[in-house]
N, C-alpha and C. Protein backbone atom coordinates (compact mmCIF):
# COMPACT_ATOMS: atom_id res chain seq x y z
N MET A 1 49.29 35.83 20.40
CA MET A 1 48.19 35.33 20.74
C MET A 1 47.33 35.90 21.92
N LYS A 2 47.80 37.53 22.35
CA LYS A 2 47.08 38.31 23.13
C LYS A 2 46.45 38.85 22.04
N ASN A 3 46.92 39.24 20.79
CA ASN A 3 46.14 40.00 19.93
C ASN A 3 44.26 38.94 19.58
N SER A 4 45.09 37.50 19.44
CA SER A 4 43.83 36.57 18.99
C SER A 4 42.70 36.99 19.98
N TRP A 5 42.94 36.89 21.08
CA TRP A 5 42.06 36.84 22.08
C TRP A 5 41.33 37.82 22.07
N TYR A 6 42.26 39.19 21.92
CA TYR A 6 41.21 40.59 21.74
C TYR A 6 40.67 40.30 20.61
N PHE A 7 40.95 39.58 19.35
CA PHE A 7 40.03 39.35 18.36
C PHE A 7 38.59 39.12 18.30
N CYS A 8 39.33 37.91 19.04
CA CYS A 8 37.97 36.25 19.43
C CYS A 8 36.52 37.34 20.27
N ILE A 9 37.47 38.44 21.45
CA ILE A 9 36.40 39.14 22.31
C ILE A 9 35.34 39.89 21.51
N LEU A 10 35.86 40.83 20.75
CA LEU A 10 35.87 41.87 19.40
C LEU A 10 34.44 40.68 18.82
N ALA A 11 35.06 39.94 18.39
CA ALA A 11 33.87 39.16 17.73
C ALA A 11 32.70 38.94 18.12
N ILE A 12 32.84 38.32 19.15
CA ILE A 12 31.69 38.18 20.28
C ILE A 12 30.84 39.12 20.45
N LEU A 13 31.33 40.47 21.05
CA LEU A 13 30.87 41.34 21.38
C LEU A 13 30.06 42.04 20.31
N MET A 14 30.47 41.94 19.49
CA MET A 14 30.13 42.79 17.88
C MET A 14 28.30 41.60 17.88
N THR A 15 28.89 40.49 17.65
CA THR A 15 27.77 39.52 17.63
C THR A 15 26.84 39.45 18.43
N VAL A 16 26.68 39.93 19.86
CA VAL A 16 26.00 39.93 20.69
C VAL A 16 25.11 41.35 20.49
N ALA A 17 25.82 42.87 20.05
CA ALA A 17 25.35 43.91 19.59
C ALA A 17 24.71 43.82 18.34
N PHE A 18 24.93 43.31 17.47
CA PHE A 18 24.29 43.07 16.16
C PHE A 18 22.81 42.37 16.29
N SER A 19 22.89 41.09 17.15
CA SER A 19 22.24 40.47 17.88
C SER A 19 20.92 41.45 18.44
N ALA A 20 21.33 41.87 19.30
CA ALA A 20 20.07 43.26 19.93
C ALA A 20 19.80 44.04 18.96
N LEU A 21 20.34 44.41 17.98
CA LEU A 21 19.93 45.80 16.98
C LEU A 21 18.92 44.79 16.06
N HIS A 22 19.59 43.64 15.77
CA HIS A 22 18.81 43.25 14.49
C HIS A 22 17.33 42.61 15.17
N TYR A 23 17.37 42.53 16.54
CA TYR A 23 15.82 41.90 17.45
C TYR A 23 15.45 42.95 17.55
N PHE A 24 15.47 44.43 18.09
CA PHE A 24 15.09 45.36 18.77
C PHE A 24 14.21 45.90 17.70
N THR A 25 14.90 46.40 16.84
CA THR A 25 14.61 47.16 15.49
C THR A 25 13.67 46.25 14.51
N ASP A 26 13.25 44.81 14.52
CA ASP A 26 12.31 44.57 13.99
C ASP A 26 12.88 44.30 12.04
N PHE A 27 14.33 43.86 12.10
CA PHE A 27 14.88 44.05 10.83
C PHE A 27 14.77 45.20 9.83
N ALA A 28 14.48 45.88 10.15
CA ALA A 28 14.77 47.16 9.63
C ALA A 28 15.92 47.58 8.92
N TYR A 29 16.73 47.45 10.42
CA TYR A 29 18.10 47.82 10.03
C TYR A 29 19.26 47.23 9.45
N MET A 30 18.98 45.53 8.74
CA MET A 30 19.51 44.59 8.15
C MET A 30 20.26 45.52 6.80
N ILE A 31 19.39 45.95 6.33
CA ILE A 31 19.58 46.46 4.91
C ILE A 31 20.59 47.78 4.88
N HIS A 32 20.32 48.91 6.11
CA HIS A 32 21.64 49.88 6.22
C HIS A 32 22.93 49.11 6.11
N ILE A 33 22.99 47.79 7.31
CA ILE A 33 23.99 47.32 7.68
C ILE A 33 24.44 46.51 6.62
N MET A 34 23.70 45.97 5.49
CA MET A 34 24.78 45.21 4.37
C MET A 34 24.89 46.41 3.22
N VAL A 35 24.44 47.64 3.27
CA VAL A 35 24.52 48.62 2.14
C VAL A 35 26.24 49.03 2.65
N LEU A 36 26.27 49.36 4.39
CA LEU A 36 27.47 49.54 4.87
C LEU A 36 28.62 48.63 4.53
N LEU A 37 28.50 47.32 4.64
CA LEU A 37 29.25 46.16 4.56
C LEU A 37 29.75 46.50 3.10
N VAL A 38 28.62 46.58 1.83
CA VAL A 38 29.25 46.78 0.95
C VAL A 38 30.29 48.05 0.56
N VAL A 39 29.92 49.14 1.02
CA VAL A 39 30.76 50.43 1.28
C VAL A 39 32.05 49.68 1.47
N VAL A 40 32.41 48.87 2.38
CA VAL A 40 33.48 48.75 3.11
C VAL A 40 34.34 48.07 2.24
N THR A 41 33.56 46.90 1.70
CA THR A 41 34.31 45.99 1.28
C THR A 41 34.90 46.74 -0.42
N PHE A 42 34.18 47.48 -0.96
CA PHE A 42 34.34 48.11 -2.20
C PHE A 42 36.00 49.37 -2.15
N VAL A 43 36.09 49.47 -0.67
CA VAL A 43 37.29 50.41 -0.47
C VAL A 43 38.47 50.12 -1.10
N SER A 44 38.48 48.72 -0.38
CA SER A 44 39.93 48.30 -1.20
C SER A 44 39.77 47.01 -2.11
N ARG A 45 40.38 47.24 -3.03
CA ARG A 45 40.83 46.17 -4.34
C ARG A 45 40.94 44.67 -3.52
N ARG A 46 41.65 44.86 -2.47
CA ARG A 46 42.10 43.31 -1.63
C ARG A 46 40.94 42.88 -1.57
N LEU A 47 39.72 43.33 -1.39
CA LEU A 47 38.13 42.77 -0.59
C LEU A 47 37.24 42.29 -1.67
N VAL A 48 38.04 41.97 -2.84
CA VAL A 48 37.08 41.47 -4.07
C VAL A 48 36.07 40.71 -4.04
N ASN A 49 36.74 39.44 -3.23
CA ASN A 49 35.42 38.70 -2.69
C ASN A 49 34.60 38.39 -1.93
N LEU A 50 35.26 39.70 -1.04
CA LEU A 50 33.93 39.96 -0.28
C LEU A 50 32.71 40.58 -0.46
N GLN A 51 32.97 41.81 -1.96
CA GLN A 51 32.71 42.43 -2.64
C GLN A 51 31.39 41.46 -3.01
N HIS A 52 32.08 40.90 -3.68
CA HIS A 52 31.18 39.71 -4.50
C HIS A 52 29.83 39.14 -3.43
N ILE A 53 30.76 38.71 -2.28
CA ILE A 53 29.68 37.91 -1.15
C ILE A 53 28.72 39.41 -0.28
N SER A 54 29.11 40.34 -0.58
CA SER A 54 27.84 41.60 0.03
C SER A 54 27.05 41.91 -0.52
N VAL A 55 27.49 41.66 -1.81
CA VAL A 55 26.48 42.14 -3.22
C VAL A 55 25.29 41.34 -2.99
N VAL A 56 25.87 40.12 -2.91
CA VAL A 56 24.49 39.16 -3.27
C VAL A 56 23.53 39.37 -1.95
N LEU A 57 24.38 39.02 -0.91
CA LEU A 57 23.60 39.22 0.33
C LEU A 57 22.82 40.55 0.23
N LEU A 58 23.24 41.47 -0.29
CA LEU A 58 22.36 42.85 -0.02
C LEU A 58 21.27 42.54 -0.62
N PHE A 59 21.41 42.21 -1.89
CA PHE A 59 20.49 42.09 -3.04
C PHE A 59 19.20 41.01 -2.52
N ILE A 60 19.76 39.65 -1.89
CA ILE A 60 18.71 39.23 -1.36
C ILE A 60 18.09 39.29 -0.27
N THR A 61 18.98 39.92 0.54
CA THR A 61 18.07 41.22 1.71
C THR A 61 16.95 41.87 1.00
N VAL A 62 17.26 43.07 0.10
CA VAL A 62 16.31 43.52 -0.31
C VAL A 62 15.35 42.90 -0.44
N ILE A 63 15.65 41.69 -1.49
CA ILE A 63 13.83 40.89 -1.63
C ILE A 63 13.46 40.37 -0.68
N GLU A 64 14.37 39.98 0.13
CA GLU A 64 13.14 39.50 1.47
C GLU A 64 12.62 40.71 2.25
N TYR A 65 13.15 41.33 2.58
CA TYR A 65 12.65 42.82 2.98
C TYR A 65 11.06 42.91 2.29
N ALA A 66 11.16 43.21 1.02
CA ALA A 66 10.40 43.16 0.43
C ALA A 66 9.52 41.85 0.20
N PHE A 67 9.40 41.02 0.11
CA PHE A 67 8.45 39.53 0.64
C PHE A 67 7.86 39.92 1.79
N VAL A 68 8.43 40.22 2.53
CA VAL A 68 7.95 40.16 4.10
C VAL A 68 7.39 41.58 4.42
N ARG A 69 7.15 42.15 3.82
CA ARG A 69 6.40 44.06 3.92
C ARG A 69 5.19 43.67 3.19
N TYR A 70 5.33 42.64 1.79
CA TYR A 70 3.96 42.23 0.91
C TYR A 70 3.35 41.58 1.77
N ILE A 71 4.04 40.38 2.49
CA ILE A 71 2.92 39.15 3.23
C ILE A 71 1.96 39.97 4.60
N PHE A 72 3.17 40.60 5.16
CA PHE A 72 2.51 41.93 6.07
C PHE A 72 0.86 42.31 5.48
N GLU A 73 1.43 42.77 4.31
CA GLU A 73 0.16 43.99 3.83
C GLU A 73 -1.20 42.81 3.55
N LEU A 74 -0.51 41.19 3.26
CA LEU A 74 -1.76 40.58 3.11
C LEU A 74 -2.44 40.21 4.46
N SER A 75 -1.81 40.01 5.39
CA SER A 75 -2.14 40.23 6.79
C SER A 75 -3.15 41.25 7.41
N ALA A 76 -2.97 42.06 6.83
CA ALA A 76 -3.74 43.35 6.82
C ALA A 76 -4.65 43.54 6.45
N SER A 77 -4.75 42.71 5.09
CA SER A 77 -6.05 42.87 4.19
C SER A 77 -6.72 41.53 4.49
N GLY A 78 -6.48 40.77 5.69
CA GLY A 78 -7.24 39.90 5.85
C GLY A 78 -7.00 38.45 5.45
N LEU A 79 -5.33 37.92 5.67
CA LEU A 79 -4.92 37.00 5.20
C LEU A 79 -4.90 35.99 7.14
N PRO A 80 -5.38 34.66 6.80
CA PRO A 80 -5.27 33.98 8.09
C PRO A 80 -4.14 34.21 9.20
N PRO A 81 -4.02 34.22 10.05
CA PRO A 81 -2.33 34.48 10.85
C PRO A 81 -1.66 33.05 10.57
N TYR A 82 -2.38 31.96 10.50
CA TYR A 82 -1.47 30.82 10.09
C TYR A 82 -0.78 30.64 8.68
N LYS A 83 -1.89 31.22 7.63
CA LYS A 83 -1.39 31.33 6.25
C LYS A 83 -0.37 32.32 5.97
N THR A 84 -0.43 33.69 6.90
CA THR A 84 0.64 34.68 6.89
C THR A 84 2.22 33.92 7.32
N ASN A 85 1.87 33.27 8.98
CA ASN A 85 3.45 32.58 9.09
C ASN A 85 3.56 31.80 7.95
N ALA A 86 2.98 31.03 7.69
CA ALA A 86 3.49 29.62 6.19
C ALA A 86 4.06 30.36 5.33
N PHE A 87 3.68 31.76 4.69
CA PHE A 87 4.06 32.47 3.94
C PHE A 87 5.37 33.23 4.06
N ILE A 88 5.71 33.46 5.16
CA ILE A 88 6.93 34.31 5.55
C ILE A 88 7.86 33.14 6.12
N PHE A 89 7.44 32.02 6.76
CA PHE A 89 8.61 30.81 6.69
C PHE A 89 8.73 30.46 5.58
N GLY A 90 8.13 30.22 4.69
CA GLY A 90 8.59 29.62 3.11
C GLY A 90 9.75 30.74 2.47
N ALA A 91 9.01 32.05 2.26
CA ALA A 91 9.78 32.94 1.52
C ALA A 91 11.10 33.34 2.04
N HIS A 92 11.17 32.93 3.29
CA HIS A 92 12.46 32.82 4.45
C HIS A 92 13.20 31.67 3.58
N PHE A 93 12.85 30.58 3.78
CA PHE A 93 13.55 29.01 3.34
C PHE A 93 13.79 28.98 2.13
N LEU A 94 13.20 29.86 1.18
CA LEU A 94 13.45 30.04 -0.35
C LEU A 94 14.43 30.72 -0.46
N LEU A 95 14.45 31.97 0.09
CA LEU A 95 15.92 32.78 0.01
C LEU A 95 17.31 32.57 0.33
N ASP A 96 16.65 31.70 1.66
CA ASP A 96 17.94 31.46 2.39
C ASP A 96 18.77 29.97 1.90
N LEU A 97 17.75 29.82 1.33
CA LEU A 97 18.27 28.38 -0.11
C LEU A 97 19.20 28.82 -0.90
N ILE A 98 18.65 29.85 -1.53
CA ILE A 98 19.04 30.47 -2.67
C ILE A 98 20.44 31.03 -2.13
N ILE A 99 20.50 31.79 -1.03
CA ILE A 99 21.85 32.02 -0.44
C ILE A 99 22.69 31.05 -0.41
N PHE A 100 22.40 29.93 0.12
CA PHE A 100 23.50 28.78 0.63
C PHE A 100 24.16 27.80 -0.68
N LEU A 101 22.76 28.29 -1.89
CA LEU A 101 23.49 27.51 -3.08
C LEU A 101 24.69 28.20 -3.65
N LEU A 102 24.72 29.77 -3.49
CA LEU A 102 25.26 30.77 -4.53
C LEU A 102 26.74 30.27 -3.83
N LEU A 103 26.59 30.61 -2.36
CA LEU A 103 27.46 30.45 -1.46
C LEU A 103 28.40 29.31 -1.76
N LYS A 104 27.37 27.54 -2.14
CA LYS A 104 28.53 26.84 -2.37
C LYS A 104 29.01 26.48 -3.48
N HIS A 105 28.73 27.83 -4.67
CA HIS A 105 29.18 27.87 -6.08
C HIS A 105 30.34 28.88 -5.74
N ARG A 106 30.18 29.80 -4.94
CA ARG A 106 30.78 31.34 -5.06
C ARG A 106 32.07 31.43 -5.76
N VAL A 107 33.13 30.61 -5.45
CA VAL A 107 34.69 30.75 -6.00
C VAL A 107 33.69 30.89 -7.46
N LEU A 108 33.34 29.72 -8.07
CA LEU A 108 33.37 29.53 -9.46
C LEU A 108 32.27 30.91 -10.48
N TRP A 109 31.59 30.79 -9.52
CA TRP A 109 30.28 32.17 -9.96
C TRP A 109 31.39 33.85 -10.33
N SER A 110 32.52 33.35 -8.91
CA SER A 110 33.27 34.87 -9.11
C SER A 110 34.62 34.67 -10.40
N LEU A 111 34.57 33.60 -10.57
CA LEU A 111 35.89 33.51 -11.34
C LEU A 111 35.17 33.87 -12.59
N ARG A 112 34.13 33.19 -12.96
CA ARG A 112 33.35 33.44 -14.37
C ARG A 112 33.17 35.00 -14.51
N PHE A 113 32.68 35.88 -13.41
CA PHE A 113 32.44 37.27 -12.97
C PHE A 113 33.91 37.75 -13.88
N MET A 114 34.79 37.43 -12.94
CA MET A 114 35.86 38.23 -13.25
C MET A 114 36.48 37.92 -14.30
N ARG A 115 36.23 36.90 -15.01
CA ARG A 115 37.01 36.86 -16.72
C ARG A 115 36.24 37.55 -17.32
N LEU A 116 34.78 37.94 -16.98
CA LEU A 116 34.41 38.86 -18.46
C LEU A 116 34.60 39.83 -17.99
N THR A 117 34.95 40.59 -16.65
CA THR A 117 35.33 42.04 -16.37
C THR A 117 36.88 42.29 -16.45
N ASN A 118 37.27 41.42 -15.74
CA ASN A 118 38.73 41.71 -15.27
C ASN A 118 39.51 40.67 -15.38
N PRO A 119 39.55 40.20 -16.75
CA PRO A 119 40.70 39.15 -16.76
C PRO A 119 41.94 38.81 -16.40
N ASN A 120 42.75 39.49 -16.02
CA ASN A 120 43.74 39.87 -16.00
C ASN A 120 43.94 39.82 -14.46
N ASN A 121 43.03 39.98 -13.80
CA ASN A 121 43.26 39.86 -11.83
C ASN A 121 42.27 38.15 -11.61
N TRP A 122 42.19 37.92 -12.58
CA TRP A 122 41.56 36.31 -12.17
C TRP A 122 42.09 35.88 -10.97
N ARG A 123 43.43 35.57 -10.54
CA ARG A 123 43.72 34.78 -9.90
C ARG A 123 43.33 35.56 -8.19
N SER A 124 42.76 36.89 -8.30
CA SER A 124 42.17 37.42 -6.73
C SER A 124 41.14 36.90 -6.24
N ILE A 125 40.68 35.85 -7.26
CA ILE A 125 39.59 35.17 -6.79
C ILE A 125 39.77 33.85 -5.59
N TYR A 126 39.40 33.41 -5.13
CA TYR A 126 40.14 32.22 -4.42
C TYR A 126 39.19 32.15 -2.63
N MET A 127 38.87 31.13 -2.31
CA MET A 127 38.07 30.87 -1.20
C MET A 127 38.57 31.43 0.72
N THR A 128 37.20 32.69 0.55
CA THR A 128 38.14 33.10 2.03
C THR A 128 37.89 32.36 3.07
N TYR A 129 38.28 33.03 4.24
CA TYR A 129 37.45 32.25 5.56
C TYR A 129 36.26 32.68 5.78
N ALA A 130 35.71 33.62 5.19
CA ALA A 130 34.00 33.69 5.37
C ALA A 130 33.21 32.57 4.80
N ASP A 131 33.95 32.42 3.04
CA ASP A 131 32.82 31.49 2.58
C ASP A 131 32.67 29.99 3.39
N PRO A 132 33.55 29.24 3.90
CA PRO A 132 32.88 27.75 4.67
C PRO A 132 31.74 28.42 5.95
N ILE A 133 32.44 29.47 6.80
CA ILE A 133 31.34 30.08 7.59
C ILE A 133 29.88 30.70 7.44
N LEU A 134 30.26 31.12 6.22
CA LEU A 134 28.72 31.71 5.71
C LEU A 134 27.64 30.39 5.20
N TYR A 135 28.51 29.54 4.35
CA TYR A 135 27.76 28.19 3.93
C TYR A 135 27.05 27.83 5.03
N GLY A 136 28.14 27.57 6.20
CA GLY A 136 27.14 27.01 7.54
C GLY A 136 26.59 27.29 8.67
N ILE A 137 26.85 29.23 8.22
CA ILE A 137 25.67 29.78 9.04
C ILE A 137 24.28 29.82 8.18
N PHE A 138 24.05 30.08 6.77
CA PHE A 138 22.98 29.53 6.38
C PHE A 138 22.38 28.22 6.14
N PHE A 139 23.51 27.00 6.00
CA PHE A 139 22.60 26.09 6.62
C PHE A 139 21.66 25.99 8.20
N ALA A 140 22.23 26.81 9.26
CA ALA A 140 21.32 26.98 10.30
C ALA A 140 20.24 27.77 9.77
N PHE A 141 20.66 28.90 8.87
CA PHE A 141 19.32 29.14 8.81
C PHE A 141 18.43 28.65 7.92
N ILE A 142 18.25 27.92 7.48
CA ILE A 142 17.45 26.78 6.62
C ILE A 142 16.73 25.79 7.77
N LEU A 143 17.77 25.41 8.57
CA LEU A 143 17.24 24.06 9.30
C LEU A 143 16.13 25.12 10.26
N VAL A 144 16.19 26.33 10.98
CA VAL A 144 15.36 26.92 11.49
C VAL A 144 13.98 27.52 10.72
N ASP A 145 14.51 27.85 9.33
CA ASP A 145 13.18 27.93 8.66
C ASP A 145 12.67 26.97 8.51
N LEU A 146 13.02 25.70 8.21
CA LEU A 146 12.33 24.38 8.17
C LEU A 146 11.51 24.15 9.40
N ALA A 147 12.06 24.30 10.36
CA ALA A 147 11.95 23.45 11.60
C ALA A 147 10.30 25.18 12.14
N ALA A 148 10.54 26.02 11.83
CA ALA A 148 9.17 26.91 12.18
C ALA A 148 8.35 26.57 11.21
N PHE A 149 8.41 26.70 9.66
CA PHE A 149 7.55 26.06 8.96
C PHE A 149 6.94 24.83 9.01
N GLY A 150 7.29 23.90 9.64
CA GLY A 150 6.67 22.36 9.85
C GLY A 150 6.27 22.59 11.05
N GLU A 151 6.44 23.24 12.11
CA GLU A 151 5.72 23.68 13.39
C GLU A 151 4.56 24.15 13.30
N ASN A 152 4.31 25.29 12.32
CA ASN A 152 3.48 25.76 11.72
C ASN A 152 2.16 25.08 11.42
N LEU A 153 2.60 24.04 10.10
CA LEU A 153 1.82 22.77 9.77
C LEU A 153 1.01 22.04 10.67
N ILE A 154 2.18 21.79 11.74
CA ILE A 154 1.53 20.79 12.81
C ILE A 154 0.78 21.18 13.79
N ARG A 155 0.57 22.62 13.87
CA ARG A 155 0.12 23.38 14.94
C ARG A 155 -1.20 23.57 14.62
N ASN A 156 -1.34 23.92 13.07
CA ASN A 156 -2.37 23.99 12.57
C ASN A 156 -3.06 22.62 11.57
N MET A 157 -2.59 22.27 11.71
CA MET A 157 -3.01 20.85 10.99
C MET A 157 -4.78 20.77 10.86
N ASP A 158 -5.47 21.09 11.41
CA ASP A 158 -6.78 20.97 11.29
C ASP A 158 -7.00 22.08 10.33
N LEU A 159 -6.39 23.22 9.98
CA LEU A 159 -6.74 24.14 9.21
C LEU A 159 -6.00 24.03 8.03
N PHE A 160 -5.14 23.63 7.66
CA PHE A 160 -4.40 23.24 6.27
C PHE A 160 -4.64 21.70 5.80
N PHE A 161 -4.85 20.56 7.04
CA PHE A 161 -5.21 19.53 6.30
C PHE A 161 -6.75 19.04 6.53
N GLY A 162 -7.38 19.51 7.29
CA GLY A 162 -8.68 19.17 7.43
C GLY A 162 -8.60 18.07 8.90
N VAL A 163 -7.56 17.71 9.73
CA VAL A 163 -7.87 16.89 10.59
C VAL A 163 -8.65 17.53 11.58
N SER A 164 -9.53 16.00 12.12
CA SER A 164 -10.24 16.89 13.77
C SER A 164 -9.70 17.54 14.41
N GLU A 165 -10.60 18.21 15.52
CA GLU A 165 -9.68 19.07 16.58
C GLU A 165 -9.16 18.50 17.29
N GLU A 166 -9.70 17.15 17.46
CA GLU A 166 -9.83 16.30 18.82
C GLU A 166 -8.24 15.96 18.34
N ALA A 167 -7.90 15.81 17.06
CA ALA A 167 -6.21 15.04 16.92
C ALA A 167 -5.19 16.05 16.55
N SER A 168 -6.07 17.01 16.52
CA SER A 168 -4.81 18.86 16.35
C SER A 168 -4.59 18.98 17.58
N LYS A 169 -5.78 19.23 18.72
CA LYS A 169 -5.67 19.55 19.60
C LYS A 169 -3.97 19.50 20.51
N PRO A 170 -3.63 18.47 20.91
CA PRO A 170 -2.29 18.14 21.42
C PRO A 170 -1.20 18.99 20.94
N TYR A 171 -1.72 19.56 19.94
CA TYR A 171 -0.11 19.78 19.36
C TYR A 171 -0.53 21.71 19.18
N TRP A 172 -1.56 22.38 19.38
CA TRP A 172 -2.15 23.64 19.48
C TRP A 172 -1.04 24.33 20.32
N SER A 173 -0.53 23.47 21.74
CA SER A 173 0.82 24.40 22.33
C SER A 173 1.86 24.29 21.75
N TRP A 174 2.44 24.02 20.58
CA TRP A 174 3.65 23.96 20.29
C TRP A 174 4.09 25.14 19.49
N GLY A 175 4.73 25.74 19.77
CA GLY A 175 5.52 27.00 19.70
C GLY A 175 6.66 27.27 19.74
N TRP A 176 7.92 26.37 20.00
CA TRP A 176 9.09 27.04 20.69
C TRP A 176 9.71 27.64 19.59
N VAL A 177 9.86 27.29 18.25
CA VAL A 177 10.48 27.70 17.32
C VAL A 177 9.68 29.10 16.98
N TYR A 178 8.62 28.84 16.97
CA TYR A 178 7.17 29.88 16.67
C TYR A 178 7.96 31.35 17.29
N LYS A 179 7.69 31.22 18.72
CA LYS A 179 8.24 31.77 19.80
C LYS A 179 10.03 32.84 19.92
N ASN A 180 10.46 31.69 19.40
CA ASN A 180 12.06 32.18 19.41
C ASN A 180 12.54 32.40 18.24
N TYR A 181 11.62 32.19 17.02
CA TYR A 181 12.17 32.50 15.62
C TYR A 181 12.92 33.80 15.34
N GLU A 182 12.22 35.06 15.70
CA GLU A 182 13.34 36.10 15.40
C GLU A 182 14.24 36.18 16.19
N ILE A 183 14.50 35.70 17.28
CA ILE A 183 16.14 35.68 18.23
C ILE A 183 16.68 34.88 17.59
N LEU A 184 16.49 33.64 17.12
CA LEU A 184 17.31 32.89 16.12
C LEU A 184 17.57 33.29 15.11
N LYS A 185 16.86 33.89 14.10
CA LYS A 185 17.17 34.49 13.06
C LYS A 185 17.88 36.22 13.37
N SER A 186 18.12 36.46 14.01
CA SER A 186 18.61 37.56 14.95
C SER A 186 20.24 37.34 14.96
N ILE A 187 19.97 36.02 15.68
CA ILE A 187 21.64 35.58 16.18
C ILE A 187 22.45 35.49 15.14
N LEU A 188 21.71 34.83 13.98
CA LEU A 188 22.42 33.86 12.96
C LEU A 188 22.86 35.58 12.16
N SER A 189 21.90 36.30 11.80
CA SER A 189 22.06 37.88 10.95
C SER A 189 23.25 38.05 11.41
N ALA A 190 23.36 38.44 13.09
CA ALA A 190 24.64 38.91 13.33
C ALA A 190 25.65 38.27 13.27
N LEU A 191 26.00 36.52 13.10
CA LEU A 191 26.81 36.14 12.39
C LEU A 191 27.45 36.00 11.15
N VAL A 192 26.47 36.51 10.64
CA VAL A 192 26.72 37.16 9.13
C VAL A 192 27.68 38.21 9.13
N LEU A 193 27.17 39.01 9.54
CA LEU A 193 27.68 40.26 9.64
C LEU A 193 29.00 40.53 10.44
N THR A 194 29.26 40.02 11.56
CA THR A 194 30.24 39.73 12.21
C THR A 194 31.54 39.06 11.37
N THR A 195 31.31 38.09 11.01
CA THR A 195 31.96 37.05 9.75
C THR A 195 32.39 38.07 8.64
N ILE A 196 31.67 38.81 8.11
CA ILE A 196 32.31 39.29 7.08
C ILE A 196 33.08 40.21 7.65
N LEU A 197 32.39 41.35 8.36
CA LEU A 197 33.80 42.62 8.90
C LEU A 197 34.59 41.91 9.55
N ALA A 198 34.95 40.65 10.54
CA ALA A 198 35.83 39.94 10.67
C ALA A 198 37.07 39.97 9.38
N THR A 199 36.27 39.04 8.56
CA THR A 199 37.19 38.47 7.49
C THR A 199 37.55 39.54 6.50
N SER A 200 37.01 40.80 6.61
CA SER A 200 37.76 42.12 5.90
C SER A 200 38.44 42.61 6.56
N PHE A 201 38.78 42.49 8.09
CA PHE A 201 39.75 42.75 8.65
C PHE A 201 41.09 41.77 8.16
N VAL A 202 40.95 40.72 8.11
CA VAL A 202 42.17 39.55 8.39
C VAL A 202 42.15 39.26 6.34
N GLU A 203 41.66 40.09 5.90
CA GLU A 203 41.69 40.03 4.35
C GLU A 203 43.05 41.20 4.02
N ARG A 204 42.76 42.35 4.95
CA ARG A 204 43.60 43.53 4.51
C ARG A 204 44.75 43.21 5.16
N GLN A 205 45.34 42.10 5.89
CA GLN A 205 46.26 41.59 6.20
C GLN A 205 47.07 40.90 5.30
N ARG A 206 46.40 40.21 4.67
CA ARG A 206 47.34 39.12 3.72
C ARG A 206 48.17 39.98 2.44
N PRO A 207 49.21 39.43 1.85
CA PRO A 207 50.25 39.90 1.12
C PRO A 207 49.45 40.11 -0.09
N ASP A 208 50.00 41.16 -0.75
CA ASP A 208 49.52 41.14 -2.19
C ASP A 208 49.63 40.01 -3.23
N THR A 209 48.76 39.71 -3.66
CA THR A 209 48.85 38.16 -5.02
C THR A 209 49.94 39.01 -6.14
N PRO A 210 49.98 38.08 -7.20
CA PRO A 210 50.97 38.33 -8.01
C PRO A 210 50.55 39.16 -9.03
N ASP A 211 48.64 39.32 -9.09
CA ASP A 211 48.24 40.14 -10.08
C ASP A 211 48.26 41.63 -9.22
N GLU A 212 47.92 41.57 -7.79
CA GLU A 212 48.16 42.91 -6.98
C GLU A 212 49.42 43.70 -7.33
N GLU A 213 50.38 42.76 -7.15
CA GLU A 213 51.93 43.68 -6.94
C GLU A 213 52.19 43.83 -8.36
N LEU A 214 51.63 43.65 -9.47
CA LEU A 214 51.68 43.77 -10.90
C LEU A 214 51.24 45.54 -11.01
N GLU A 215 49.77 45.51 -10.76
CA GLU A 215 48.96 46.72 -10.77
C GLU A 215 49.66 48.02 -9.60
N SER A 216 49.82 47.38 -8.72
CA SER A 216 50.66 48.61 -7.98
C SER A 216 52.07 49.07 -8.20
N GLU A 217 52.59 48.28 -9.30
CA GLU A 217 53.95 48.89 -9.83
C GLU A 217 53.88 49.52 -11.06
N SER A 218 52.32 49.26 -11.98
CA SER A 218 52.06 50.12 -12.91
C SER A 218 51.51 51.34 -12.93
């Protein structure tokens, strides 16, 4: 029981640390951490499920980073701020939605991949503790992205839809999600990292599957 409390406290501290690191380094560290996660999960054959999850997250994170950098370049070239925000929030939403859908069917895709690459070890594929947790976290990502995107449309309805200034002026002050977007994303990103690291620890304590026992004996 005491160990469970220690583990819970450690997970909370890791989440806080990752959140601060993500927020104050402006997302730049995220790719490096995802690479580290991939390395950690590939160290052990037991973590094949987390390997698949980490590789997918790393791949999407790289794409997301490239998209955001490109949009910032467009902004520096003269793209209006309201369009810049719309493109950024839209890109985040689409990529988070892709991850959400991939996580929903992760076990199925992992089984198909395993049957092609290592059919004798297909029993090592199963739903980990991380799967439903990450599924919920990325649902929260989607809600934040949609809220930010919708808020940007409402705040700039005169520019997007040609609404009169008198009608749109009361909404110019709307910016709660916009002002806290980086904080919210930092917290959720930290939860993703903490979930994978915590699950990797838990998975290492699991007994071998029948396939793994056979491999260790051979």
